[in-house]
Amino acid sequence: AVVCALVANAKALETALESFCTACGADEVALFERATFLVISHASTRPHGDVHRFEKISNIIKQFKLSCNKARAQFKSLQLQNASLTALIDNFTTYTCVMVIASDRCVQPAIVAHNTN
């Protein structure tokens, strides 16, 4: 909520994420601040019951980034895929990361990754 209050054009950003979400065939797209991994904005094509999901994702990614730092590795992107969904987290701009979630098996992770670049 704090980050959202600091973003002057939050509605325009949300509209752009909605278009990106639809174009990718994704269920959800979220934009995070890269250093803190706080959510800036998000768009969904399907309803979600877990209102705390971004906080949970943020905590998981922050722990993962700490593990990478301890191993002297740099976090660039993360792709997870199972039978029910594909999740991609990638650098988006200098200060942001994007997360794309797709449950459609026809959505190709490489194409989604290409669209984030």
N, C-alpha and C. Protein backbone atom coordinates (compact mmCIF):
# COMPACT_ATOMS: atom_id res chain seq x y z
N ALA A 1 0.82 -1.19 0.00
CA ALA A 1 0.00 0.00 0.00
C ALA A 1 0.86 1.25 0.00
N VAL A 2 2.00 1.21 0.69
CA VAL A 2 2.89 2.37 0.75
C VAL A 2 3.45 2.66 -0.64
N VAL A 3 3.91 1.62 -1.33
CA VAL A 3 4.47 1.81 -2.67
C VAL A 3 3.40 2.34 -3.60
N CYS A 4 2.20 1.80 -3.52
CA CYS A 4 1.10 2.25 -4.38
C CYS A 4 0.79 3.72 -4.17
N ALA A 5 0.90 4.18 -2.93
CA ALA A 5 0.63 5.59 -2.63
C ALA A 5 1.70 6.49 -3.23
N LEU A 6 2.91 5.97 -3.44
CA LEU A 6 4.00 6.76 -3.98
C LEU A 6 4.00 6.82 -5.51
N VAL A 7 3.24 5.93 -6.15
CA VAL A 7 3.19 5.89 -7.61
C VAL A 7 2.11 6.86 -8.09
N ALA A 8 2.53 7.87 -8.82
CA ALA A 8 1.60 8.93 -9.24
C ALA A 8 0.60 8.45 -10.28
N ASN A 9 1.02 7.61 -11.20
CA ASN A 9 0.15 7.18 -12.29
C ASN A 9 -0.25 5.71 -12.13
N ALA A 10 -0.70 5.36 -10.95
CA ALA A 10 -1.02 3.97 -10.62
C ALA A 10 -2.11 3.40 -11.53
N LYS A 11 -3.13 4.18 -11.84
CA LYS A 11 -4.21 3.68 -12.68
C LYS A 11 -3.73 3.39 -14.10
N ALA A 12 -2.90 4.25 -14.64
CA ALA A 12 -2.35 4.03 -15.99
C ALA A 12 -1.46 2.79 -15.99
N LEU A 13 -0.71 2.61 -14.93
CA LEU A 13 0.15 1.43 -14.81
C LEU A 13 -0.68 0.16 -14.73
N GLU A 14 -1.74 0.19 -13.96
CA GLU A 14 -2.64 -0.96 -13.84
C GLU A 14 -3.30 -1.29 -15.18
N THR A 15 -3.70 -0.27 -15.92
CA THR A 15 -4.31 -0.47 -17.24
C THR A 15 -3.30 -1.12 -18.19
N ALA A 16 -2.06 -0.66 -18.15
CA ALA A 16 -1.01 -1.24 -19.01
C ALA A 16 -0.75 -2.70 -18.61
N LEU A 17 -0.76 -2.99 -17.32
CA LEU A 17 -0.56 -4.38 -16.87
C LEU A 17 -1.73 -5.27 -17.29
N GLU A 18 -2.94 -4.73 -17.28
CA GLU A 18 -4.11 -5.49 -17.74
C GLU A 18 -3.95 -5.86 -19.21
N SER A 19 -3.49 -4.92 -20.03
CA SER A 19 -3.26 -5.19 -21.45
C SER A 19 -2.17 -6.24 -21.63
N PHE A 20 -1.10 -6.11 -20.88
CA PHE A 20 0.01 -7.06 -20.94
C PHE A 20 -0.45 -8.45 -20.50
N CYS A 21 -1.25 -8.51 -19.45
CA CYS A 21 -1.78 -9.78 -18.94
C CYS A 21 -2.62 -10.48 -20.00
N THR A 22 -3.49 -9.74 -20.66
CA THR A 22 -4.33 -10.29 -21.72
C THR A 22 -3.49 -10.72 -22.92
N ALA A 23 -2.53 -9.90 -23.32
CA ALA A 23 -1.70 -10.21 -24.47
C ALA A 23 -0.86 -11.47 -24.26
N CYS A 24 -0.43 -11.69 -23.03
CA CYS A 24 0.38 -12.88 -22.72
C CYS A 24 -0.47 -14.13 -22.48
N GLY A 25 -1.77 -13.96 -22.34
CA GLY A 25 -2.62 -15.09 -22.00
C GLY A 25 -2.43 -15.52 -20.56
N ALA A 26 -2.02 -14.57 -19.71
CA ALA A 26 -1.73 -14.86 -18.31
C ALA A 26 -2.97 -14.73 -17.44
N ASP A 27 -2.92 -15.39 -16.30
CA ASP A 27 -3.97 -15.25 -15.29
C ASP A 27 -3.72 -14.00 -14.44
N GLU A 28 -2.43 -13.71 -14.24
CA GLU A 28 -2.09 -12.57 -13.39
C GLU A 28 -0.70 -12.06 -13.73
N VAL A 29 -0.55 -10.75 -13.62
CA VAL A 29 0.74 -10.08 -13.79
C VAL A 29 0.89 -9.13 -12.61
N ALA A 30 2.07 -9.14 -12.00
CA ALA A 30 2.35 -8.23 -10.89
C ALA A 30 3.69 -7.56 -11.11
N LEU A 31 3.77 -6.30 -10.75
CA LEU A 31 4.99 -5.53 -10.85
C LEU A 31 5.51 -5.27 -9.44
N PHE A 32 6.77 -5.64 -9.18
CA PHE A 32 7.38 -5.49 -7.87
C PHE A 32 8.55 -4.52 -7.94
N GLU A 33 8.78 -3.79 -6.85
CA GLU A 33 9.98 -2.99 -6.71
C GLU A 33 11.13 -3.96 -6.50
N ARG A 34 12.22 -3.79 -7.23
CA ARG A 34 13.28 -4.80 -7.28
C ARG A 34 14.01 -5.00 -5.95
N ALA A 35 14.35 -3.94 -5.24
CA ALA A 35 15.15 -4.07 -4.02
C ALA A 35 14.36 -4.67 -2.85
N THR A 36 13.14 -4.18 -2.65
CA THR A 36 12.33 -4.62 -1.50
C THR A 36 11.33 -5.71 -1.85
N PHE A 37 11.09 -5.88 -3.13
CA PHE A 37 10.10 -6.80 -3.68
C PHE A 37 8.69 -6.52 -3.15
N LEU A 38 8.40 -5.26 -2.94
CA LEU A 38 7.04 -4.83 -2.59
C LEU A 38 6.25 -4.66 -3.88
N VAL A 39 4.97 -5.04 -3.85
CA VAL A 39 4.14 -4.96 -5.05
C VAL A 39 3.82 -3.49 -5.35
N ILE A 40 4.00 -3.12 -6.61
CA ILE A 40 3.68 -1.77 -7.07
C ILE A 40 2.28 -1.75 -7.67
N SER A 41 2.00 -2.73 -8.53
CA SER A 41 0.69 -2.82 -9.18
C SER A 41 0.52 -4.24 -9.69
N HIS A 42 -0.73 -4.59 -9.98
CA HIS A 42 -1.01 -5.93 -10.51
C HIS A 42 -2.27 -5.91 -11.33
N ALA A 43 -2.44 -6.95 -12.13
CA ALA A 43 -3.65 -7.13 -12.94
C ALA A 43 -3.95 -8.62 -13.00
N SER A 44 -5.23 -8.95 -12.97
CA SER A 44 -5.66 -10.35 -13.00
C SER A 44 -6.79 -10.54 -14.00
N THR A 45 -6.80 -11.71 -14.61
CA THR A 45 -7.94 -12.07 -15.45
C THR A 45 -8.83 -13.08 -14.74
N ARG A 46 -8.36 -13.59 -13.60
CA ARG A 46 -9.13 -14.54 -12.79
C ARG A 46 -9.10 -14.10 -11.33
N PRO A 47 -10.19 -14.30 -10.62
CA PRO A 47 -10.21 -13.91 -9.20
C PRO A 47 -9.33 -14.85 -8.36
N HIS A 48 -8.75 -14.30 -7.29
CA HIS A 48 -7.92 -15.08 -6.37
C HIS A 48 -8.45 -14.91 -4.96
N GLY A 49 -8.48 -16.00 -4.22
CA GLY A 49 -9.01 -15.97 -2.86
C GLY A 49 -8.02 -15.52 -1.82
N ASP A 50 -6.72 -15.61 -2.10
CA ASP A 50 -5.70 -15.29 -1.12
C ASP A 50 -5.29 -13.82 -1.25
N VAL A 51 -5.79 -13.01 -0.34
CA VAL A 51 -5.49 -11.57 -0.40
C VAL A 51 -4.06 -11.27 0.05
N HIS A 52 -3.40 -12.22 0.69
CA HIS A 52 -2.04 -12.03 1.18
C HIS A 52 -0.98 -12.66 0.26
N ARG A 53 -1.37 -13.05 -0.94
CA ARG A 53 -0.46 -13.78 -1.82
C ARG A 53 0.77 -12.97 -2.20
N PHE A 54 0.63 -11.67 -2.39
CA PHE A 54 1.79 -10.86 -2.77
C PHE A 54 2.79 -10.75 -1.62
N GLU A 55 2.28 -10.63 -0.41
CA GLU A 55 3.16 -10.61 0.76
C GLU A 55 3.91 -11.93 0.88
N LYS A 56 3.22 -13.04 0.65
CA LYS A 56 3.86 -14.36 0.72
C LYS A 56 4.92 -14.51 -0.37
N ILE A 57 4.58 -14.11 -1.59
CA ILE A 57 5.52 -14.19 -2.72
C ILE A 57 6.73 -13.31 -2.43
N SER A 58 6.49 -12.11 -1.94
CA SER A 58 7.57 -11.19 -1.62
C SER A 58 8.53 -11.81 -0.61
N ASN A 59 8.01 -12.41 0.44
CA ASN A 59 8.86 -13.04 1.45
C ASN A 59 9.65 -14.21 0.89
N ILE A 60 9.01 -15.02 0.06
CA ILE A 60 9.71 -16.17 -0.55
C ILE A 60 10.85 -15.69 -1.45
N ILE A 61 10.58 -14.71 -2.28
CA ILE A 61 11.61 -14.21 -3.21
C ILE A 61 12.74 -13.53 -2.45
N LYS A 62 12.41 -12.77 -1.40
CA LYS A 62 13.47 -12.13 -0.62
C LYS A 62 14.38 -13.18 0.02
N GLN A 63 13.81 -14.26 0.53
CA GLN A 63 14.62 -15.34 1.10
C GLN A 63 15.46 -16.01 0.03
N PHE A 64 14.89 -16.21 -1.15
CA PHE A 64 15.62 -16.81 -2.26
C PHE A 64 16.79 -15.91 -2.68
N LYS A 65 16.55 -14.60 -2.75
CA LYS A 65 17.60 -13.66 -3.12
C LYS A 65 18.72 -13.67 -2.08
N LEU A 66 18.37 -13.77 -0.79
CA LEU A 66 19.39 -13.86 0.26
C LEU A 66 20.23 -15.12 0.09
N SER A 67 19.59 -16.23 -0.23
CA SER A 67 20.32 -17.48 -0.47
C SER A 67 21.26 -17.34 -1.66
N CYS A 68 20.78 -16.67 -2.71
CA CYS A 68 21.64 -16.43 -3.88
C CYS A 68 22.85 -15.58 -3.49
N ASN A 69 22.62 -14.55 -2.70
CA ASN A 69 23.72 -13.67 -2.28
C ASN A 69 24.75 -14.43 -1.45
N LYS A 70 24.28 -15.30 -0.56
CA LYS A 70 25.21 -16.10 0.26
C LYS A 70 26.05 -17.02 -0.61
N ALA A 71 25.49 -17.50 -1.70
CA ALA A 71 26.22 -18.37 -2.63
C ALA A 71 27.00 -17.57 -3.67
N ARG A 72 27.03 -16.25 -3.49
CA ARG A 72 27.71 -15.33 -4.41
C ARG A 72 27.15 -15.44 -5.84
N ALA A 73 25.86 -15.64 -5.90
CA ALA A 73 25.15 -15.67 -7.19
C ALA A 73 24.20 -14.48 -7.23
N GLN A 74 23.87 -14.05 -8.42
CA GLN A 74 22.98 -12.91 -8.57
C GLN A 74 21.63 -13.38 -9.10
N PHE A 75 20.56 -12.95 -8.44
CA PHE A 75 19.21 -13.29 -8.88
C PHE A 75 18.88 -12.47 -10.12
N LYS A 76 18.55 -13.16 -11.21
CA LYS A 76 18.13 -12.47 -12.43
C LYS A 76 16.69 -12.80 -12.76
N SER A 77 16.37 -14.10 -12.76
CA SER A 77 15.00 -14.50 -13.08
C SER A 77 14.71 -15.86 -12.44
N LEU A 78 13.43 -16.19 -12.43
CA LEU A 78 12.98 -17.45 -11.85
C LEU A 78 11.81 -17.95 -12.67
N GLN A 79 11.86 -19.19 -13.07
CA GLN A 79 10.76 -19.80 -13.81
C GLN A 79 10.38 -21.11 -13.14
N LEU A 80 9.11 -21.24 -12.80
CA LEU A 80 8.58 -22.46 -12.19
C LEU A 80 7.45 -22.96 -13.07
N GLN A 81 7.42 -24.26 -13.26
CA GLN A 81 6.35 -24.84 -14.07
C GLN A 81 5.96 -26.18 -13.48
N ASN A 82 4.66 -26.41 -13.35
CA ASN A 82 4.15 -27.72 -12.97
C ASN A 82 2.93 -28.02 -13.83
N ALA A 83 2.18 -29.03 -13.47
CA ALA A 83 1.05 -29.45 -14.29
C ALA A 83 -0.07 -28.41 -14.35
N SER A 84 -0.15 -27.54 -13.35
CA SER A 84 -1.28 -26.61 -13.32
C SER A 84 -0.94 -25.16 -13.64
N LEU A 85 0.35 -24.77 -13.60
CA LEU A 85 0.66 -23.37 -13.89
C LEU A 85 2.12 -23.18 -14.26
N THR A 86 2.36 -22.03 -14.84
CA THR A 86 3.71 -21.55 -15.12
C THR A 86 3.85 -20.20 -14.45
N ALA A 87 4.94 -20.01 -13.71
CA ALA A 87 5.23 -18.74 -13.06
C ALA A 87 6.59 -18.26 -13.52
N LEU A 88 6.66 -17.00 -13.90
CA LEU A 88 7.91 -16.41 -14.34
C LEU A 88 8.10 -15.10 -13.59
N ILE A 89 9.27 -14.94 -12.99
CA ILE A 89 9.65 -13.67 -12.37
C ILE A 89 10.94 -13.24 -13.04
N ASP A 90 10.93 -12.02 -13.59
CA ASP A 90 12.08 -11.56 -14.36
C ASP A 90 12.26 -10.06 -14.13
N ASN A 91 13.49 -9.58 -14.32
CA ASN A 91 13.73 -8.15 -14.27
C ASN A 91 12.94 -7.49 -15.39
N PHE A 92 12.35 -6.34 -15.07
CA PHE A 92 11.51 -5.65 -16.04
C PHE A 92 12.13 -4.32 -16.44
N THR A 93 12.42 -3.49 -15.45
CA THR A 93 13.13 -2.23 -15.68
C THR A 93 14.29 -2.19 -14.69
N THR A 94 14.98 -1.08 -14.64
CA THR A 94 16.11 -0.93 -13.72
C THR A 94 15.67 -1.14 -12.26
N TYR A 95 14.45 -0.73 -11.94
CA TYR A 95 14.00 -0.76 -10.56
C TYR A 95 12.83 -1.70 -10.29
N THR A 96 12.41 -2.46 -11.29
CA THR A 96 11.25 -3.34 -11.10
C THR A 96 11.48 -4.75 -11.62
N CYS A 97 10.69 -5.66 -11.08
CA CYS A 97 10.60 -7.04 -11.56
C CYS A 97 9.14 -7.31 -11.89
N VAL A 98 8.91 -8.20 -12.83
CA VAL A 98 7.55 -8.56 -13.21
C VAL A 98 7.34 -10.04 -12.92
N MET A 99 6.15 -10.37 -12.45
CA MET A 99 5.76 -11.76 -12.25
C MET A 99 4.57 -12.05 -13.15
N VAL A 100 4.67 -13.13 -13.91
CA VAL A 100 3.59 -13.54 -14.80
C VAL A 100 3.17 -14.95 -14.40
N ILE A 101 1.88 -15.13 -14.14
CA ILE A 101 1.33 -16.44 -13.77
C ILE A 101 0.33 -16.84 -14.86
N ALA A 102 0.52 -18.05 -15.39
CA ALA A 102 -0.39 -18.56 -16.43
C ALA A 102 -0.76 -20.00 -16.12
N SER A 103 -2.05 -20.30 -16.18
CA SER A 103 -2.50 -21.68 -15.96
C SER A 103 -2.79 -22.39 -17.27
N ASP A 104 -2.86 -21.64 -18.37
CA ASP A 104 -3.10 -22.22 -19.69
C ASP A 104 -1.83 -22.91 -20.17
N ARG A 105 -1.88 -24.20 -20.43
CA ARG A 105 -0.72 -24.97 -20.85
C ARG A 105 -0.22 -24.56 -22.24
N CYS A 106 -1.04 -23.85 -22.99
CA CYS A 106 -0.63 -23.38 -24.32
C CYS A 106 0.29 -22.17 -24.24
N VAL A 107 0.32 -21.50 -23.09
CA VAL A 107 1.18 -20.34 -22.92
C VAL A 107 2.62 -20.84 -22.77
N GLN A 108 3.48 -20.40 -23.66
CA GLN A 108 4.88 -20.84 -23.67
C GLN A 108 5.74 -19.90 -22.81
N PRO A 109 6.45 -20.45 -21.83
CA PRO A 109 7.28 -19.60 -20.96
C PRO A 109 8.31 -18.77 -21.72
N ALA A 110 8.89 -19.32 -22.77
CA ALA A 110 9.89 -18.56 -23.54
C ALA A 110 9.27 -17.33 -24.20
N ILE A 111 8.05 -17.45 -24.66
CA ILE A 111 7.37 -16.31 -25.28
C ILE A 111 7.04 -15.25 -24.24
N VAL A 112 6.59 -15.69 -23.06
CA VAL A 112 6.30 -14.76 -21.98
C VAL A 112 7.59 -14.05 -21.57
N ALA A 113 8.68 -14.81 -21.42
CA ALA A 113 9.98 -14.20 -21.06
C ALA A 113 10.41 -13.18 -22.11
N HIS A 114 10.21 -13.51 -23.38
CA HIS A 114 10.55 -12.59 -24.46
C HIS A 114 9.71 -11.30 -24.35
N ASN A 115 8.42 -11.45 -24.03
CA ASN A 115 7.53 -10.29 -23.90
C ASN A 115 7.91 -9.39 -22.73
N THR A 116 8.52 -9.96 -21.69
CA THR A 116 8.92 -9.12 -20.55
C THR A 116 10.17 -8.32 -20.88
N ASN A 117 10.92 -8.78 -21.86
CA ASN A 117 12.13 -8.04 -22.25
C ASN A 117 11.74 -7.03 -23.30
